[in-house]
């Protein structure tokens, strides 16, 4: 049996819970982008669906508005998300 350190076990459990690991050295915006990316890949967020608003991400994941914005911008740069001015961020059509 392999024994995991506390931080490794914590990180593994947070992956399935879609939660930000506040103690992780990985920046929070990268963690949030990974959560949103996984939701897109699992089909929870489908092409054309709106992403949660920044206010919702702030409340749900306990991050700053700038962190939510940076995570969405990363997904835009990856081509997974598009921003429609005045409407919000949406999963890009594939």
Protein backbone atom coordinates (compact mmCIF):
# COMPACT_ATOMS: atom_id res chain seq x y z
CA UNK A 1 0.00 0.00 0.00
CA UNK A 2 1.32 3.43 -0.96
CA UNK A 3 1.06 6.13 1.65
CA UNK A 4 0.33 9.63 0.40
CA UNK A 5 1.42 12.73 2.22
CA UNK A 6 -1.30 15.07 3.47
CA UNK A 7 -0.88 17.54 0.60
CA UNK A 8 -0.96 14.80 -2.05
CA UNK A 9 -4.09 13.19 -0.60
CA UNK A 10 -5.73 16.60 -0.25
CA UNK A 11 -4.97 17.48 -3.86
CA UNK A 12 -6.33 14.15 -5.11
CA UNK A 13 -9.57 14.54 -3.19
CA UNK A 14 -10.09 18.10 -4.44
CA UNK A 15 -9.87 17.06 -8.07
CA UNK A 16 -13.14 15.18 -7.89
CA UNK A 17 -14.80 17.77 -5.63
CA UNK A 18 -14.15 20.66 -8.04
CA UNK A 19 -12.74 22.75 -5.22
CA UNK A 20 -9.80 25.10 -4.99
CA UNK A 21 -6.99 23.83 -2.77
CA UNK A 22 -6.09 26.96 -0.82
CA UNK A 23 -2.88 25.31 0.45
CA UNK A 24 -1.60 24.27 -2.97
CA UNK A 25 1.41 26.03 -4.45
CA UNK A 26 -0.42 25.97 -7.82
CA UNK A 27 -1.94 29.42 -8.51
CA UNK A 28 -5.67 29.58 -7.88
CA UNK A 29 -6.47 30.82 -11.38
CA UNK A 30 -4.82 27.68 -12.82
CA UNK A 31 -6.81 25.50 -10.43
CA UNK A 32 -10.06 27.23 -11.39
CA UNK A 33 -9.24 26.97 -15.10
CA UNK A 34 -8.60 23.24 -14.61
CA UNK A 35 -11.97 22.85 -12.85
CA UNK A 36 -13.83 24.65 -15.64
CA UNK A 37 -11.87 22.75 -18.32
CA UNK A 38 -12.82 19.44 -16.67
CA UNK A 39 -16.48 20.49 -16.56
CA UNK A 40 -16.32 21.22 -20.29
CA UNK A 41 -14.58 17.90 -21.02
CA UNK A 42 -17.15 15.97 -18.93
CA UNK A 43 -20.00 17.68 -20.80
CA UNK A 44 -21.33 19.50 -17.74
CA UNK A 45 -20.71 22.71 -19.68
CA UNK A 46 -21.53 22.09 -23.35
CA UNK A 47 -20.88 24.09 -26.51
CA UNK A 48 -22.80 27.33 -26.39
CA UNK A 49 -23.50 27.12 -22.65
CA UNK A 50 -22.68 30.15 -20.53
CA UNK A 51 -19.94 29.78 -17.95
CA UNK A 52 -20.89 30.75 -14.41
CA UNK A 53 -20.64 34.50 -13.88
CA UNK A 54 -17.58 35.89 -12.14
CA UNK A 55 -19.74 36.64 -9.10
CA UNK A 56 -20.87 33.01 -9.02
CA UNK A 57 -17.27 31.75 -9.31
CA UNK A 58 -16.21 34.09 -6.50
CA UNK A 59 -18.93 32.70 -4.24
CA UNK A 60 -18.71 29.04 -5.30
CA UNK A 61 -14.92 28.66 -5.32
CA UNK A 62 -13.86 31.30 -2.80
CA UNK A 63 -11.58 33.16 -5.20
CA UNK A 64 -11.15 36.84 -6.03
CA UNK A 65 -12.91 38.35 -9.04
CA UNK A 66 -9.53 38.89 -10.73
CA UNK A 67 -8.72 35.18 -10.24
CA UNK A 68 -11.99 34.20 -11.93
CA UNK A 69 -11.30 36.62 -14.76
CA UNK A 70 -7.78 35.29 -15.26
CA UNK A 71 -9.01 31.68 -15.34
CA UNK A 72 -11.61 32.53 -18.00
CA UNK A 73 -9.01 34.46 -20.02
CA UNK A 74 -6.76 31.37 -19.98
CA UNK A 75 -9.60 29.24 -21.36
CA UNK A 76 -10.24 31.89 -24.04
CA UNK A 77 -6.55 31.72 -25.00
CA UNK A 78 -6.87 27.92 -25.24
CA UNK A 79 -9.88 28.26 -27.54
CA UNK A 80 -12.28 26.53 -25.14
CA UNK A 81 -14.26 29.66 -24.28
CA UNK A 82 -15.41 32.76 -26.15
CA UNK A 83 -16.44 36.07 -24.63
CA UNK A 84 -19.45 37.87 -26.06
CA UNK A 85 -19.33 41.52 -25.01
CA UNK A 86 -22.29 42.46 -22.86
CA UNK A 87 -23.41 38.82 -22.55
CA UNK A 88 -20.64 36.85 -20.84
CA UNK A 89 -18.36 33.89 -21.43
CA UNK A 90 -19.55 30.82 -23.33
CA UNK A 91 -18.15 27.41 -24.15
CA UNK A 92 -16.79 27.61 -27.70
CA UNK A 93 -18.44 25.57 -30.41
CA UNK A 94 -16.31 22.63 -31.50
